[in-house]
PDB file of N, CA and C in Angstrom:
ATOM      1  N   UNK A   1      70.889  34.788 -17.793  1.00  0.00           N
ATOM      2  CA  UNK A   1      70.847  34.365 -16.411  1.00  0.00           C
ATOM      3  C   UNK A   1      72.206  34.652 -15.763  1.00  0.00           C
ATOM      4  N   UNK A   2      72.180  35.102 -14.524  1.00  0.00           N
ATOM      5  CA  UNK A   2      73.394  35.396 -13.766  1.00  0.00           C
ATOM      6  C   UNK A   2      73.731  34.240 -12.838  1.00  0.00           C
ATOM      7  N   UNK A   3      74.924  34.302 -12.255  1.00  0.00           N
ATOM      8  CA  UNK A   3      75.306  33.306 -11.263  1.00  0.00           C
ATOM      9  C   UNK A   3      76.133  33.971 -10.175  1.00  0.00           C
ATOM     10  N   UNK A   4      76.171  33.311  -9.031  1.00  0.00           N
ATOM     11  CA  UNK A   4      77.017  33.769  -7.932  1.00  0.00           C
ATOM     12  C   UNK A   4      77.527  32.552  -7.178  1.00  0.00           C
ATOM     13  N   UNK A   5      78.610  32.759  -6.444  1.00  0.00           N
ATOM     14  CA  UNK A   5      79.216  31.689  -5.662  1.00  0.00           C
ATOM     15  C   UNK A   5      78.851  31.837  -4.188  1.00  0.00           C
ATOM     16  N   UNK A   6      78.524  30.736  -3.548  1.00  0.00           N
ATOM     17  CA  UNK A   6      78.514  30.707  -2.086  1.00  0.00           C
ATOM     18  C   UNK A   6      79.966  30.977  -1.681  1.00  0.00           C
ATOM     19  N   UNK A   7      80.210  31.721  -0.597  1.00  0.00           N
ATOM     20  CA  UNK A   7      81.597  32.030  -0.222  1.00  0.00           C
ATOM     21  C   UNK A   7      82.490  30.792  -0.064  1.00  0.00           C
ATOM     22  N   UNK A   8      81.956  29.703   0.458  1.00  0.00           N
ATOM     23  CA  UNK A   8      82.767  28.494   0.616  1.00  0.00           C
ATOM     24  C   UNK A   8      83.037  27.812  -0.723  1.00  0.00           C
ATOM     25  N   UNK A   9      82.114  27.947  -1.665  1.00  0.00           N
ATOM     26  CA  UNK A   9      82.346  27.399  -3.008  1.00  0.00           C
ATOM     27  C   UNK A   9      83.459  28.170  -3.704  1.00  0.00           C
ATOM     28  N   UNK A  10      83.465  29.480  -3.516  1.00  0.00           N
ATOM     29  CA  UNK A  10      84.532  30.299  -4.104  1.00  0.00           C
ATOM     30  C   UNK A  10      85.888  29.923  -3.493  1.00  0.00           C
ATOM     31  N   UNK A  11      85.905  29.659  -2.189  1.00  0.00           N
ATOM     32  CA  UNK A  11      87.140  29.218  -1.525  1.00  0.00           C
ATOM     33  C   UNK A  11      87.586  27.867  -2.076  1.00  0.00           C
ATOM     34  N   UNK A  12      86.640  26.958  -2.296  1.00  0.00           N
ATOM     35  CA  UNK A  12      86.985  25.652  -2.866  1.00  0.00           C
ATOM     36  C   UNK A  12      87.608  25.801  -4.246  1.00  0.00           C
ATOM     37  N   UNK A  13      87.041  26.685  -5.056  1.00  0.00           N
ATOM     38  CA  UNK A  13      87.592  26.933  -6.391  1.00  0.00           C
ATOM     39  C   UNK A  13      89.016  27.480  -6.285  1.00  0.00           C
ATOM     40  N   UNK A  14      89.209  28.465  -5.427  1.00  0.00           N
ATOM     41  CA  UNK A  14      90.543  29.063  -5.269  1.00  0.00           C
ATOM     42  C   UNK A  14      91.551  28.056  -4.721  1.00  0.00           C
ATOM     43  N   UNK A  15      91.135  27.254  -3.746  1.00  0.00           N
ATOM     44  CA  UNK A  15      92.036  26.248  -3.169  1.00  0.00           C
ATOM     45  C   UNK A  15      92.431  25.195  -4.201  1.00  0.00           C
ATOM     46  N   UNK A  16      91.455  24.737  -4.981  1.00  0.00           N
ATOM     47  CA  UNK A  16      91.743  23.722  -5.996  1.00  0.00           C
ATOM     48  C   UNK A  16      92.643  24.295  -7.091  1.00  0.00           C
ATOM     49  N   UNK A  17      92.406  25.540  -7.465  1.00  0.00           N
ATOM     50  CA  UNK A  17      93.258  26.195  -8.464  1.00  0.00           C
ATOM     51  C   UNK A  17      94.697  26.268  -7.968  1.00  0.00           C
ATOM     52  N   UNK A  18      94.876  26.666  -6.716  1.00  0.00           N
ATOM     53  CA  UNK A  18      96.223  26.740  -6.139  1.00  0.00           C
ATOM     54  C   UNK A  18      96.867  25.356  -6.090  1.00  0.00           C
ATOM     55  N   UNK A  19      96.094  24.351  -5.712  1.00  0.00           N
ATOM     56  CA  UNK A  19      96.619  22.983  -5.649  1.00  0.00           C
ATOM     57  C   UNK A  19      97.114  22.530  -7.023  1.00  0.00           C
ATOM     58  N   UNK A  20      96.295  22.725  -8.054  1.00  0.00           N
ATOM     59  CA  UNK A  20      96.692  22.287  -9.392  1.00  0.00           C
ATOM     60  C   UNK A  20      97.885  23.084  -9.920  1.00  0.00           C
ATOM     61  N   UNK A  21      97.983  24.356  -9.553  1.00  0.00           N
ATOM     62  CA  UNK A  21      99.162  25.137  -9.951  1.00  0.00           C
ATOM     63  C   UNK A  21     100.429  24.626  -9.284  1.00  0.00           C
ATOM     64  N   UNK A  22     100.303  24.113  -8.054  1.00  0.00           N
ATOM     65  CA  UNK A  22     101.459  23.517  -7.377  1.00  0.00           C
ATOM     66  C   UNK A  22     101.867  22.207  -8.049  1.00  0.00           C
ATOM     67  N   UNK A  23     100.879  21.472  -8.543  1.00  0.00           N
ATOM     68  CA  UNK A  23     101.167  20.196  -9.215  1.00  0.00           C
ATOM     69  C   UNK A  23     101.905  20.415 -10.529  1.00  0.00           C
ATOM     70  N   UNK A  24     101.442  21.408 -11.280  1.00  0.00           N
ATOM     71  CA  UNK A  24     102.046  21.697 -12.588  1.00  0.00           C
ATOM     72  C   UNK A  24     101.742  23.138 -12.946  1.00  0.00           C
ATOM     73  N   UNK A  25     102.736  23.859 -13.352  1.00  0.00           N
ATOM     74  CA  UNK A  25     102.561  25.257 -13.709  1.00  0.00           C
ATOM     75  C   UNK A  25     101.508  25.394 -14.807  1.00  0.00           C
ATOM     76  N   UNK A  26     100.504  26.214 -14.557  1.00  0.00           N
ATOM     77  CA  UNK A  26      99.450  26.448 -15.541  1.00  0.00           C
ATOM     78  C   UNK A  26      98.258  25.516 -15.433  1.00  0.00           C
ATOM     79  N   UNK A  27      98.396  24.430 -14.679  1.00  0.00           N
ATOM     80  CA  UNK A  27      97.287  23.479 -14.567  1.00  0.00           C
ATOM     81  C   UNK A  27      96.111  24.080 -13.801  1.00  0.00           C
ATOM     82  N   UNK A  28      96.397  24.954 -12.851  1.00  0.00           N
ATOM     83  CA  UNK A  28      95.326  25.631 -12.121  1.00  0.00           C
ATOM     84  C   UNK A  28      94.476  26.493 -13.032  1.00  0.00           C
ATOM     85  N   UNK A  29      95.118  27.138 -13.994  1.00  0.00           N
ATOM     86  CA  UNK A  29      94.376  27.950 -14.965  1.00  0.00           C
ATOM     87  C   UNK A  29      93.476  27.056 -15.808  1.00  0.00           C
ATOM     88  N   UNK A  30      93.995  25.899 -16.201  1.00  0.00           N
ATOM     89  CA  UNK A  30      93.186  24.950 -16.974  1.00  0.00           C
ATOM     90  C   UNK A  30      91.990  24.466 -16.153  1.00  0.00           C
ATOM     91  N   UNK A  31      92.221  24.213 -14.870  1.00  0.00           N
ATOM     92  CA  UNK A  31      91.132  23.799 -13.986  1.00  0.00           C
ATOM     93  C   UNK A  31      90.063  24.890 -13.906  1.00  0.00           C
ATOM     94  N   UNK A  32      90.500  26.120 -13.686  1.00  0.00           N
ATOM     95  CA  UNK A  32      89.558  27.237 -13.581  1.00  0.00           C
ATOM     96  C   UNK A  32      88.760  27.402 -14.871  1.00  0.00           C
ATOM     97  N   UNK A  33      89.418  27.291 -16.007  1.00  0.00           N
ATOM     98  CA  UNK A  33      88.713  27.369 -17.294  1.00  0.00           C
ATOM     99  C   UNK A  33      87.663  26.274 -17.398  1.00  0.00           C
ATOM    100  N   UNK A  34      88.010  25.070 -16.957  1.00  0.00           N
ATOM    101  CA  UNK A  34      87.079  23.942 -17.012  1.00  0.00           C
ATOM    102  C   UNK A  34      85.857  24.195 -16.132  1.00  0.00           C
ATOM    103  N   UNK A  35      86.071  24.751 -14.949  1.00  0.00           N
ATOM    104  CA  UNK A  35      84.953  25.062 -14.050  1.00  0.00           C
ATOM    105  C   UNK A  35      84.053  26.116 -14.681  1.00  0.00           C
ATOM    106  N   UNK A  36      84.628  27.180 -15.218  1.00  0.00           N
ATOM    107  CA  UNK A  36      83.813  28.236 -15.825  1.00  0.00           C
ATOM    108  C   UNK A  36      83.118  27.759 -17.100  1.00  0.00           C
ATOM    109  N   UNK A  37      83.728  26.841 -17.806  1.00  0.00           N
ATOM    110  CA  UNK A  37      83.074  26.231 -18.969  1.00  0.00           C
ATOM    111  C   UNK A  37      81.834  25.453 -18.513  1.00  0.00           C
ATOM    112  N   UNK A  38      81.969  24.697 -17.423  1.00  0.00           N
ATOM    113  CA  UNK A  38      80.829  23.957 -16.873  1.00  0.00           C
ATOM    114  C   UNK A  38      79.738  24.919 -16.411  1.00  0.00           C
ATOM    115  N   UNK A  39      80.124  26.029 -15.805  1.00  0.00           N
ATOM    116  CA  UNK A  39      79.135  27.015 -15.351  1.00  0.00           C
ATOM    117  C   UNK A  39      78.378  27.593 -16.542  1.00  0.00           C
ATOM    118  N   UNK A  40      79.055  27.854 -17.644  1.00  0.00           N
ATOM    119  CA  UNK A  40      78.373  28.372 -18.838  1.00  0.00           C
ATOM    120  C   UNK A  40      77.344  27.368 -19.358  1.00  0.00           C
ATOM    121  N   UNK A  41      77.678  26.096 -19.308  1.00  0.00           N
ATOM    122  CA  UNK A  41      76.724  25.060 -19.732  1.00  0.00           C
ATOM    123  C   UNK A  41      75.543  25.019 -18.767  1.00  0.00           C
ATOM    124  N   UNK A  42      75.816  25.131 -17.474  1.00  0.00           N
ATOM    125  CA  UNK A  42      74.743  25.168 -16.474  1.00  0.00           C
ATOM    126  C   UNK A  42      73.812  26.339 -16.752  1.00  0.00           C
ATOM    127  N   UNK A  43      74.368  27.499 -17.069  1.00  0.00           N
ATOM    128  CA  UNK A  43      73.547  28.679 -17.344  1.00  0.00           C
ATOM    129  C   UNK A  43      72.642  28.466 -18.556  1.00  0.00           C
ATOM    130  N   UNK A  44      73.123  27.739 -19.547  1.00  0.00           N
ATOM    131  CA  UNK A  44      72.326  27.476 -20.746  1.00  0.00           C
ATOM    132  C   UNK A  44      71.278  26.395 -20.515  1.00  0.00           C
ATOM    133  N   UNK A  45      71.635  25.380 -19.735  1.00  0.00           N
ATOM    134  CA  UNK A  45      70.763  24.216 -19.529  1.00  0.00           C
ATOM    135  C   UNK A  45      70.691  23.860 -18.044  1.00  0.00           C
ATOM    136  N   UNK A  46      70.100  24.715 -17.216  1.00  0.00           N
ATOM    137  CA  UNK A  46      70.159  24.507 -15.768  1.00  0.00           C
ATOM    138  C   UNK A  46      69.477  23.234 -15.268  1.00  0.00           C
ATOM    139  N   UNK A  47      68.555  22.693 -16.021  1.00  0.00           N
ATOM    140  CA  UNK A  47      67.848  21.498 -15.563  1.00  0.00           C
ATOM    141  C   UNK A  47      68.329  20.229 -16.260  1.00  0.00           C
ATOM    142  N   UNK A  48      69.486  20.274 -16.866  1.00  0.00           N
ATOM    143  CA  UNK A  48      69.999  19.127 -17.622  1.00  0.00           C
ATOM    144  C   UNK A  48      70.475  17.981 -16.739  1.00  0.00           C
ATOM    145  N   UNK A  49      70.780  18.248 -15.488  1.00  0.00           N
ATOM    146  CA  UNK A  49      71.312  17.205 -14.605  1.00  0.00           C
ATOM    147  C   UNK A  49      70.262  16.788 -13.593  1.00  0.00           C
ATOM    148  N   UNK A  50      70.341  15.558 -13.158  1.00  0.00           N
ATOM    149  CA  UNK A  50      69.372  15.017 -12.199  1.00  0.00           C
ATOM    150  C   UNK A  50      69.486  15.737 -10.859  1.00  0.00           C
ATOM    151  N   UNK A  51      68.350  15.944 -10.192  1.00  0.00           N
ATOM    152  CA  UNK A  51      68.387  16.596  -8.875  1.00  0.00           C
ATOM    153  C   UNK A  51      69.087  15.727  -7.831  1.00  0.00           C
ATOM    154  N   UNK A  52      69.870  16.375  -6.979  1.00  0.00           N
ATOM    155  CA  UNK A  52      70.469  15.708  -5.821  1.00  0.00           C
ATOM    156  C   UNK A  52      69.549  15.835  -4.614  1.00  0.00           C
ATOM    157  N   UNK A  53      68.893  16.974  -4.530  1.00  0.00           N
ATOM    158  CA  UNK A  53      67.888  17.252  -3.513  1.00  0.00           C
ATOM    159  C   UNK A  53      66.997  18.343  -4.101  1.00  0.00           C
ATOM    160  N   UNK A  54      66.057  18.833  -3.333  1.00  0.00           N
ATOM    161  CA  UNK A  54      65.132  19.836  -3.870  1.00  0.00           C
ATOM    162  C   UNK A  54      65.901  21.041  -4.434  1.00  0.00           C
ATOM    163  N   UNK A  55      65.724  21.291  -5.707  1.00  0.00           N
ATOM    164  CA  UNK A  55      66.325  22.435  -6.413  1.00  0.00           C
ATOM    165  C   UNK A  55      67.849  22.409  -6.486  1.00  0.00           C
ATOM    166  N   UNK A  56      68.475  21.310  -6.175  1.00  0.00           N
ATOM    167  CA  UNK A  56      69.936  21.228  -6.183  1.00  0.00           C
ATOM    168  C   UNK A  56      70.384  20.168  -7.177  1.00  0.00           C
ATOM    169  N   UNK A  57      71.348  20.533  -8.017  1.00  0.00           N
ATOM    170  CA  UNK A  57      71.853  19.624  -9.049  1.00  0.00           C
ATOM    171  C   UNK A  57      73.377  19.645  -9.066  1.00  0.00           C
ATOM    172  N   UNK A  58      73.955  18.681  -9.787  1.00  0.00           N
ATOM    173  CA  UNK A  58      75.413  18.609  -9.900  1.00  0.00           C
ATOM    174  C   UNK A  58      75.804  18.385 -11.352  1.00  0.00           C
ATOM    175  N   UNK A  59      76.694  19.237 -11.830  1.00  0.00           N
ATOM    176  CA  UNK A  59      77.304  19.101 -13.148  1.00  0.00           C
ATOM    177  C   UNK A  59      78.751  18.681 -12.928  1.00  0.00           C
ATOM    178  N   UNK A  60      79.172  17.617 -13.588  1.00  0.00           N
ATOM    179  CA  UNK A  60      80.537  17.116 -13.431  1.00  0.00           C
ATOM    180  C   UNK A  60      81.420  17.697 -14.532  1.00  0.00           C
ATOM    181  N   UNK A  61      82.605  18.160 -14.147  1.00  0.00           N
ATOM    182  CA  UNK A  61      83.543  18.685 -15.138  1.00  0.00           C
ATOM    183  C   UNK A  61      84.088  17.533 -15.979  1.00  0.00           C
ATOM    184  N   UNK A  62      84.537  17.844 -17.165  1.00  0.00           N
ATOM    185  CA  UNK A  62      85.023  16.807 -18.078  1.00  0.00           C
ATOM    186  C   UNK A  62      86.431  16.331 -17.753  1.00  0.00           C
ATOM    187  N   UNK A  63      87.310  17.236 -17.456  1.00  0.00           N
ATOM    188  CA  UNK A  63      88.733  16.900 -17.368  1.00  0.00           C
ATOM    189  C   UNK A  63      89.238  16.645 -15.948  1.00  0.00           C
ATOM    190  N   UNK A  64      88.558  17.188 -14.960  1.00  0.00           N
ATOM    191  CA  UNK A  64      89.001  17.097 -13.573  1.00  0.00           C
ATOM    192  C   UNK A  64      87.923  16.406 -12.739  1.00  0.00           C
ATOM    193  N   UNK A  65      88.318  15.749 -11.640  1.00  0.00           N
ATOM    194  CA  UNK A  65      87.337  15.020 -10.826  1.00  0.00           C
ATOM    195  C   UNK A  65      86.572  15.941  -9.871  1.00  0.00           C
ATOM    196  N   UNK A  66      85.839  16.870 -10.453  1.00  0.00           N
ATOM    197  CA  UNK A  66      85.083  17.851  -9.679  1.00  0.00           C
ATOM    198  C   UNK A  66      83.666  17.956 -10.207  1.00  0.00           C
ATOM    199  N   UNK A  67      82.766  18.270  -9.293  1.00  0.00           N
ATOM    200  CA  UNK A  67      81.387  18.542  -9.650  1.00  0.00           C
ATOM    201  C   UNK A  67      81.018  19.938  -9.185  1.00  0.00           C
ATOM    202  N   UNK A  68      80.155  20.583  -9.934  1.00  0.00           N
ATOM    203  CA  UNK A  68      79.642  21.897  -9.568  1.00  0.00           C
ATOM    204  C   UNK A  68      78.243  21.672  -9.002  1.00  0.00           C
ATOM    205  N   UNK A  69      78.079  21.899  -7.708  1.00  0.00           N
ATOM    206  CA  UNK A  69      76.778  21.771  -7.056  1.00  0.00           C
ATOM    207  C   UNK A  69      76.120  23.141  -7.139  1.00  0.00           C
ATOM    208  N   UNK A  70      74.881  23.180  -7.617  1.00  0.00           N
ATOM    209  CA  UNK A  70      74.233  24.472  -7.814  1.00  0.00           C
ATOM    210  C   UNK A  70      72.733  24.385  -7.584  1.00  0.00           C
ATOM    211  N   UNK A  71      72.146  25.561  -7.380  1.00  0.00           N
ATOM    212  CA  UNK A  71      70.701  25.705  -7.281  1.00  0.00           C
ATOM    213  C   UNK A  71      70.253  26.782  -8.258  1.00  0.00           C
ATOM    214  N   UNK A  72      69.082  26.565  -8.813  1.00  0.00           N
ATOM    215  CA  UNK A  72      68.479  27.564  -9.689  1.00  0.00           C
ATOM    216  C   UNK A  72      67.459  28.343  -8.869  1.00  0.00           C
ATOM    217  N   UNK A  73      67.657  29.648  -8.765  1.00  0.00           N
ATOM    218  CA  UNK A  73      66.766  30.532  -8.009  1.00  0.00           C
ATOM    219  C   UNK A  73      66.314  31.651  -8.939  1.00  0.00           C
ATOM    220  N   UNK A  74      65.057  31.678  -9.273  1.00  0.00           N
ATOM    221  CA  UNK A  74      64.486  32.687 -10.167  1.00  0.00           C
ATOM    222  C   UNK A  74      65.372  32.887 -11.389  1.00  0.00           C
ATOM    223  N   UNK A  75      66.073  34.014 -11.470  1.00  0.00           N
ATOM    224  CA  UNK A  75      66.931  34.301 -12.624  1.00  0.00           C
ATOM    225  C   UNK A  75      68.406  34.185 -12.290  1.00  0.00           C
ATOM    226  N   UNK A  76      68.737  33.347 -11.318  1.00  0.00           N
ATOM    227  CA  UNK A  76      70.134  33.233 -10.897  1.00  0.00           C
ATOM    228  C   UNK A  76      70.478  31.785 -10.563  1.00  0.00           C
ATOM    229  N   UNK A  77      71.707  31.420 -10.886  1.00  0.00           N
ATOM    230  CA  UNK A  77      72.270  30.133 -10.472  1.00  0.00           C
ATOM    231  C   UNK A  77      73.198  30.423  -9.299  1.00  0.00           C
ATOM    232  N   UNK A  78      73.022  29.693  -8.223  1.00  0.00           N
ATOM    233  CA  UNK A  78      73.893  29.833  -7.054  1.00  0.00           C
ATOM    234  C   UNK A  78      74.801  28.618  -7.011  1.00  0.00           C
ATOM    235  N   UNK A  79      76.099  28.844  -7.100  1.00  0.00           N
ATOM    236  CA  UNK A  79      77.072  27.755  -7.007  1.00  0.00           C
ATOM    237  C   UNK A  79      77.265  27.471  -5.517  1.00  0.00           C
ATOM    238  N   UNK A  80      76.815  26.303  -5.092  1.00  0.00           N
ATOM    239  CA  UNK A  80      76.856  25.912  -3.684  1.00  0.00           C
ATOM    240  C   UNK A  80      78.217  25.324  -3.321  1.00  0.00           C
ATOM    241  N   UNK A  81      78.792  24.551  -4.235  1.00  0.00           N
ATOM    242  CA  UNK A  81      80.074  23.896  -3.954  1.00  0.00           C
ATOM    243  C   UNK A  81      80.810  23.601  -5.255  1.00  0.00           C
ATOM    244  N   UNK A  82      82.119  23.663  -5.186  1.00  0.00           N
ATOM    245  CA  UNK A  82      82.999  23.156  -6.239  1.00  0.00           C
ATOM    246  C   UNK A  82      83.642  21.940  -5.587  1.00  0.00           C
ATOM    247  N   UNK A  83      83.013  20.793  -5.818  1.00  0.00           N
ATOM    248  CA  UNK A  83      83.227  19.596  -5.009  1.00  0.00           C
ATOM    249  C   UNK A  83      84.178  18.607  -5.655  1.00  0.00           C
ATOM    250  N   UNK A  84      85.192  18.224  -4.910  1.00  0.00           N
ATOM    251  CA  UNK A  84      86.052  17.129  -5.343  1.00  0.00           C
ATOM    252  C   UNK A  84      85.217  15.857  -5.221  1.00  0.00           C
ATOM    253  N   UNK A  85      85.148  15.062  -6.277  1.00  0.00           N
ATOM    254  CA  UNK A  85      84.208  13.944  -6.327  1.00  0.00           C
ATOM    255  C   UNK A  85      84.504  12.835  -5.327  1.00  0.00           C
ATOM    256  N   UNK A  86      85.722  12.748  -4.826  1.00  0.00           N
ATOM    257  CA  UNK A  86      85.998  11.700  -3.849  1.00  0.00           C
ATOM    258  C   UNK A  86      85.830  12.181  -2.408  1.00  0.00           C
ATOM    259  N   UNK A  87      85.293  13.378  -2.233  1.00  0.00           N
ATOM    260  CA  UNK A  87      85.024  13.927  -0.910  1.00  0.00           C
ATOM    261  C   UNK A  87      83.678  13.397  -0.418  1.00  0.00           C
ATOM    262  N   UNK A  88      83.424  13.510   0.879  1.00  0.00           N
ATOM    263  CA  UNK A  88      82.123  13.111   1.417  1.00  0.00           C
ATOM    264  C   UNK A  88      81.028  13.743   0.560  1.00  0.00           C
ATOM    265  N   UNK A  89      80.114  12.966   0.032  1.00  0.00           N
ATOM    266  CA  UNK A  89      79.191  13.500  -0.967  1.00  0.00           C
ATOM    267  C   UNK A  89      78.216  14.567  -0.479  1.00  0.00           C
ATOM    268  N   UNK A  90      77.867  14.594   0.777  1.00  0.00           N
ATOM    269  CA  UNK A  90      76.849  15.544   1.244  1.00  0.00           C
ATOM    270  C   UNK A  90      77.390  16.619   2.174  1.00  0.00           C
ATOM    271  N   UNK A  91      78.674  16.861   2.135  1.00  0.00           N
ATOM    272  CA  UNK A  91      79.272  17.828   3.057  1.00  0.00           C
ATOM    273  C   UNK A  91      78.727  19.238   2.871  1.00  0.00           C
ATOM    274  N   UNK A  92      78.204  19.547   1.727  1.00  0.00           N
ATOM    275  CA  UNK A  92      77.750  20.890   1.377  1.00  0.00           C
ATOM    276  C   UNK A  92      76.302  21.162   1.798  1.00  0.00           C
ATOM    277  N   UNK A  93      75.594  20.178   2.312  1.00  0.00           N
ATOM    278  CA  UNK A  93      74.162  20.335   2.617  1.00  0.00           C
ATOM    279  C   UNK A  93      73.865  21.504   3.552  1.00  0.00           C
ATOM    280  N   UNK A  94      74.747  21.790   4.490  1.00  0.00           N
ATOM    281  CA  UNK A  94      74.478  22.887   5.425  1.00  0.00           C
ATOM    282  C   UNK A  94      74.579  24.265   4.767  1.00  0.00           C
ATOM    283  N   UNK A  95      74.992  24.334   3.520  1.00  0.00           N
ATOM    284  CA  UNK A  95      75.076  25.609   2.795  1.00  0.00           C
ATOM    285  C   UNK A  95      73.743  25.999   2.159  1.00  0.00           C
ATOM    286  N   UNK A  96      72.823  25.066   2.108  1.00  0.00           N
ATOM    287  CA  UNK A  96      71.532  25.307   1.462  1.00  0.00           C
ATOM    288  C   UNK A  96      70.586  25.952   2.462  1.00  0.00           C
ATOM    289  N   UNK A  97      69.952  27.013   2.017  1.00  0.00           N
ATOM    290  CA  UNK A  97      68.986  27.704   2.891  1.00  0.00           C
ATOM    291  C   UNK A  97      67.585  27.226   2.615  1.00  0.00           C
TER     292      UNK A  97
END
């Protein structure tokens, strides 16, 4: 199964990576690894998490306070948001088609 990022989700990932690198050298790389590790688990078990809305689920990263909001579409996972967990919970809804 393949995956792709919504453009705003990719921006969120890049912004968070830059933020963590500013906090501590190399921490952004650790954050990025954690996100991609979560994506690999999503690809293996796309229905493992409870639905947030129709066809939309959230996988929470282990080490950082972030969730990966995604949808399963045929043979592809679409990453809708790389969401900081203390952010407004439904801010990403307008990204869903």
